[in-house]
Amino acid sequence: MQTKKASDSRTNRVVGNMPQKDPCQKQACAIQKCLQANKYIETMCEDVIRAMRMCCEQTGKNSVCCSGFAKEHKSTEPKSLAVT
């Protein structure tokens, strides 16, 4: 008889026979809730975005939610424009 391991559809992680919750899922959901409530004006949600960044800094490699967030953060840094 073969034993199937449980997987979590939100994180696609398998740990033994129990799914593991994404460590930054709470912060990711808070961002979505805040953005929806504030008509997607990011400046209105700076506190929850900051909390997500902190979570990703602490547990980024263990969080599926942070995989796109960390890349997005790097690409939103101000860029200097060269005038030719």
N, C-alpha and C. Protein backbone atom coordinates (compact mmCIF):
# COMPACT_ATOMS: atom_id res chain seq x y z
N MET A 1 0.84 -1.19 0.00
CA MET A 1 0.00 0.00 0.00
C MET A 1 0.88 1.25 0.00
N GLN A 2 0.58 2.19 -0.87
CA GLN A 2 1.35 3.41 -1.00
C GLN A 2 0.70 4.53 -0.20
N THR A 3 1.51 5.29 0.52
CA THR A 3 1.00 6.40 1.31
C THR A 3 1.20 7.69 0.54
N LYS A 4 0.14 8.46 0.39
CA LYS A 4 0.24 9.76 -0.28
C LYS A 4 0.55 10.81 0.77
N LYS A 5 1.45 11.70 0.42
CA LYS A 5 1.76 12.80 1.32
C LYS A 5 0.83 13.96 1.01
N ALA A 6 0.44 14.66 2.05
CA ALA A 6 -0.45 15.81 1.89
C ALA A 6 0.31 16.97 1.28
N SER A 7 -0.37 17.74 0.46
CA SER A 7 0.24 18.96 -0.08
C SER A 7 -0.73 20.11 0.09
N ASP A 8 -0.19 21.28 0.21
CA ASP A 8 -0.99 22.49 0.40
C ASP A 8 -1.11 23.18 -0.94
N SER A 9 -2.31 23.36 -1.45
CA SER A 9 -2.50 23.96 -2.77
C SER A 9 -2.04 25.41 -2.81
N ARG A 10 -1.97 26.08 -1.65
CA ARG A 10 -1.52 27.47 -1.63
C ARG A 10 -0.01 27.57 -1.74
N THR A 11 0.71 26.59 -1.20
CA THR A 11 2.17 26.68 -1.18
C THR A 11 2.85 25.57 -1.95
N ASN A 12 2.11 24.52 -2.31
CA ASN A 12 2.67 23.36 -2.99
C ASN A 12 3.82 22.74 -2.21
N ARG A 13 3.76 22.79 -0.90
CA ARG A 13 4.80 22.21 -0.06
C ARG A 13 4.29 20.95 0.59
N VAL A 14 5.18 20.02 0.72
CA VAL A 14 4.84 18.78 1.41
C VAL A 14 5.84 18.62 2.54
N VAL A 15 5.35 18.50 3.75
CA VAL A 15 6.21 18.28 4.90
C VAL A 15 5.64 17.08 5.63
N GLY A 16 6.35 15.95 5.53
CA GLY A 16 5.83 14.74 6.13
C GLY A 16 4.47 14.44 5.55
N ASN A 17 3.49 14.30 6.40
CA ASN A 17 2.12 14.09 5.95
C ASN A 17 1.24 15.30 6.20
N MET A 18 1.86 16.41 6.63
CA MET A 18 1.09 17.60 6.94
C MET A 18 1.54 18.77 6.06
N PRO A 19 0.60 19.55 5.53
CA PRO A 19 0.98 20.72 4.74
C PRO A 19 1.59 21.80 5.64
N GLN A 20 2.51 22.58 5.08
CA GLN A 20 3.13 23.67 5.82
C GLN A 20 2.57 24.99 5.30
N LYS A 21 2.12 25.84 6.20
CA LYS A 21 1.58 27.14 5.80
C LYS A 21 2.73 28.07 5.42
N ASP A 22 2.52 28.86 4.39
CA ASP A 22 3.53 29.83 3.96
C ASP A 22 3.73 30.86 5.08
N PRO A 23 4.97 31.11 5.48
CA PRO A 23 5.21 32.01 6.61
C PRO A 23 4.81 33.46 6.36
N CYS A 24 4.69 33.88 5.11
CA CYS A 24 4.33 35.28 4.81
C CYS A 24 2.94 35.39 4.18
N GLN A 25 2.16 34.34 4.26
CA GLN A 25 0.83 34.36 3.66
C GLN A 25 -0.06 35.41 4.33
N LYS A 26 0.04 35.54 5.64
CA LYS A 26 -0.79 36.51 6.36
C LYS A 26 -0.52 37.92 5.84
N GLN A 27 0.75 38.26 5.64
CA GLN A 27 1.11 39.59 5.16
C GLN A 27 0.68 39.78 3.71
N ALA A 28 0.81 38.75 2.89
CA ALA A 28 0.39 38.83 1.49
C ALA A 28 -1.11 39.08 1.39
N CYS A 29 -1.88 38.40 2.22
CA CYS A 29 -3.33 38.59 2.23
C CYS A 29 -3.69 39.99 2.73
N ALA A 30 -2.93 40.49 3.70
CA ALA A 30 -3.18 41.84 4.22
C ALA A 30 -2.95 42.89 3.14
N ILE A 31 -1.93 42.67 2.30
CA ILE A 31 -1.68 43.60 1.20
C ILE A 31 -2.85 43.61 0.23
N GLN A 32 -3.32 42.44 -0.15
CA GLN A 32 -4.44 42.36 -1.09
C GLN A 32 -5.69 43.02 -0.52
N LYS A 33 -5.96 42.76 0.74
CA LYS A 33 -7.14 43.34 1.39
C LYS A 33 -7.03 44.87 1.43
N CYS A 34 -5.85 45.37 1.80
CA CYS A 34 -5.64 46.81 1.87
C CYS A 34 -5.76 47.46 0.50
N LEU A 35 -5.13 46.87 -0.50
CA LEU A 35 -5.18 47.45 -1.84
C LEU A 35 -6.61 47.49 -2.38
N GLN A 36 -7.37 46.42 -2.15
CA GLN A 36 -8.76 46.39 -2.60
C GLN A 36 -9.58 47.46 -1.89
N ALA A 37 -9.34 47.63 -0.60
CA ALA A 37 -10.10 48.61 0.18
C ALA A 37 -9.74 50.05 -0.19
N ASN A 38 -8.54 50.23 -0.73
CA ASN A 38 -8.06 51.59 -1.05
C ASN A 38 -7.89 51.82 -2.54
N LYS A 39 -8.69 51.12 -3.34
CA LYS A 39 -8.70 51.29 -4.80
C LYS A 39 -7.30 51.19 -5.41
N TYR A 40 -6.50 50.27 -4.87
CA TYR A 40 -5.17 49.95 -5.40
C TYR A 40 -4.21 51.14 -5.38
N ILE A 41 -4.36 52.01 -4.41
CA ILE A 41 -3.42 53.11 -4.21
C ILE A 41 -2.37 52.61 -3.22
N GLU A 42 -1.19 52.28 -3.74
CA GLU A 42 -0.14 51.65 -2.93
C GLU A 42 0.29 52.49 -1.74
N THR A 43 0.29 53.80 -1.87
CA THR A 43 0.73 54.65 -0.76
C THR A 43 -0.18 54.52 0.46
N MET A 44 -1.41 54.09 0.25
CA MET A 44 -2.34 53.88 1.36
C MET A 44 -2.04 52.60 2.12
N CYS A 45 -1.18 51.76 1.57
CA CYS A 45 -0.90 50.45 2.16
C CYS A 45 0.57 50.26 2.51
N GLU A 46 1.28 51.35 2.68
CA GLU A 46 2.72 51.26 2.93
C GLU A 46 3.06 50.43 4.16
N ASP A 47 2.23 50.51 5.22
CA ASP A 47 2.52 49.77 6.43
C ASP A 47 2.44 48.26 6.22
N VAL A 48 1.45 47.78 5.48
CA VAL A 48 1.34 46.34 5.25
C VAL A 48 2.38 45.86 4.23
N ILE A 49 2.74 46.72 3.29
CA ILE A 49 3.80 46.38 2.34
C ILE A 49 5.13 46.28 3.08
N ARG A 50 5.36 47.18 4.01
CA ARG A 50 6.58 47.15 4.83
C ARG A 50 6.63 45.86 5.66
N ALA A 51 5.49 45.45 6.21
CA ALA A 51 5.44 44.21 6.98
C ALA A 51 5.76 43.00 6.11
N MET A 52 5.29 43.03 4.87
CA MET A 52 5.59 41.94 3.93
C MET A 52 7.09 41.91 3.63
N ARG A 53 7.68 43.07 3.39
CA ARG A 53 9.13 43.12 3.11
C ARG A 53 9.92 42.55 4.28
N MET A 54 9.52 42.90 5.50
CA MET A 54 10.21 42.40 6.69
C MET A 54 10.08 40.88 6.78
N CYS A 55 8.90 40.37 6.52
CA CYS A 55 8.68 38.93 6.56
C CYS A 55 9.54 38.24 5.51
N CYS A 56 9.58 38.80 4.32
CA CYS A 56 10.37 38.20 3.23
C CYS A 56 11.86 38.24 3.54
N GLU A 57 12.32 39.30 4.19
CA GLU A 57 13.73 39.37 4.57
C GLU A 57 14.08 38.28 5.57
N GLN A 58 13.13 37.97 6.46
CA GLN A 58 13.38 36.97 7.49
C GLN A 58 13.21 35.54 6.98
N THR A 59 12.23 35.31 6.12
CA THR A 59 11.90 33.93 5.71
C THR A 59 11.75 33.77 4.21
N GLY A 60 12.30 34.67 3.44
CA GLY A 60 12.09 34.69 1.99
C GLY A 60 12.27 33.38 1.27
N LYS A 61 13.31 32.62 1.60
CA LYS A 61 13.56 31.36 0.89
C LYS A 61 12.52 30.31 1.23
N ASN A 62 11.81 30.48 2.33
CA ASN A 62 10.79 29.52 2.75
C ASN A 62 9.38 29.97 2.40
N SER A 63 9.26 31.05 1.65
CA SER A 63 7.94 31.61 1.35
C SER A 63 7.71 31.72 -0.15
N VAL A 64 6.68 31.04 -0.62
CA VAL A 64 6.29 31.15 -2.03
C VAL A 64 5.76 32.56 -2.29
N CYS A 65 5.08 33.14 -1.32
CA CYS A 65 4.53 34.49 -1.47
C CYS A 65 5.62 35.52 -1.75
N CYS A 66 6.81 35.29 -1.26
CA CYS A 66 7.91 36.25 -1.43
C CYS A 66 8.63 36.10 -2.75
N SER A 67 8.42 35.02 -3.45
CA SER A 67 9.19 34.77 -4.68
C SER A 67 9.02 35.89 -5.70
N GLY A 68 7.84 36.39 -5.91
CA GLY A 68 7.63 37.50 -6.84
C GLY A 68 7.77 38.85 -6.17
N PHE A 69 7.51 38.90 -4.88
CA PHE A 69 7.55 40.16 -4.15
C PHE A 69 8.97 40.72 -4.09
N ALA A 70 9.94 39.88 -3.82
CA ALA A 70 11.33 40.34 -3.71
C ALA A 70 11.82 40.87 -5.06
N LYS A 71 11.48 40.19 -6.14
CA LYS A 71 11.89 40.65 -7.47
C LYS A 71 11.23 41.97 -7.80
N GLU A 72 9.94 42.10 -7.46
CA GLU A 72 9.20 43.33 -7.74
C GLU A 72 9.81 44.49 -6.97
N HIS A 73 10.19 44.26 -5.72
CA HIS A 73 10.77 45.32 -4.89
C HIS A 73 12.05 45.86 -5.53
N LYS A 74 12.89 45.00 -6.03
CA LYS A 74 14.14 45.43 -6.65
C LYS A 74 13.87 46.24 -7.91
N SER A 75 12.85 45.87 -8.67
CA SER A 75 12.59 46.56 -9.94
C SER A 75 11.87 47.89 -9.75
N THR A 76 11.36 48.17 -8.55
CA THR A 76 10.65 49.43 -8.33
C THR A 76 11.56 50.51 -7.76
N GLU A 77 12.84 50.20 -7.59
CA GLU A 77 13.77 51.20 -7.10
C GLU A 77 13.93 52.28 -8.17
N PRO A 78 14.12 53.53 -7.74
CA PRO A 78 14.26 54.62 -8.72
C PRO A 78 15.43 54.38 -9.67
N LYS A 79 15.22 54.67 -10.91
CA LYS A 79 16.26 54.53 -11.93
C LYS A 79 16.63 55.91 -12.42
N SER A 80 17.91 56.10 -12.66
CA SER A 80 18.31 57.40 -13.20
C SER A 80 18.15 57.37 -14.71
N LEU A 81 17.73 58.46 -15.26
CA LEU A 81 17.53 58.56 -16.70
C LEU A 81 18.72 59.28 -17.32
N ALA A 82 19.28 58.68 -18.31
CA ALA A 82 20.40 59.30 -19.01
C ALA A 82 19.85 60.14 -20.15
N VAL A 83 20.30 61.37 -20.23
CA VAL A 83 19.85 62.26 -21.29
C VAL A 83 20.93 62.26 -22.36
N THR A 84 20.54 61.95 -23.58
CA THR A 84 21.52 61.92 -24.68
C THR A 84 21.28 63.02 -25.67
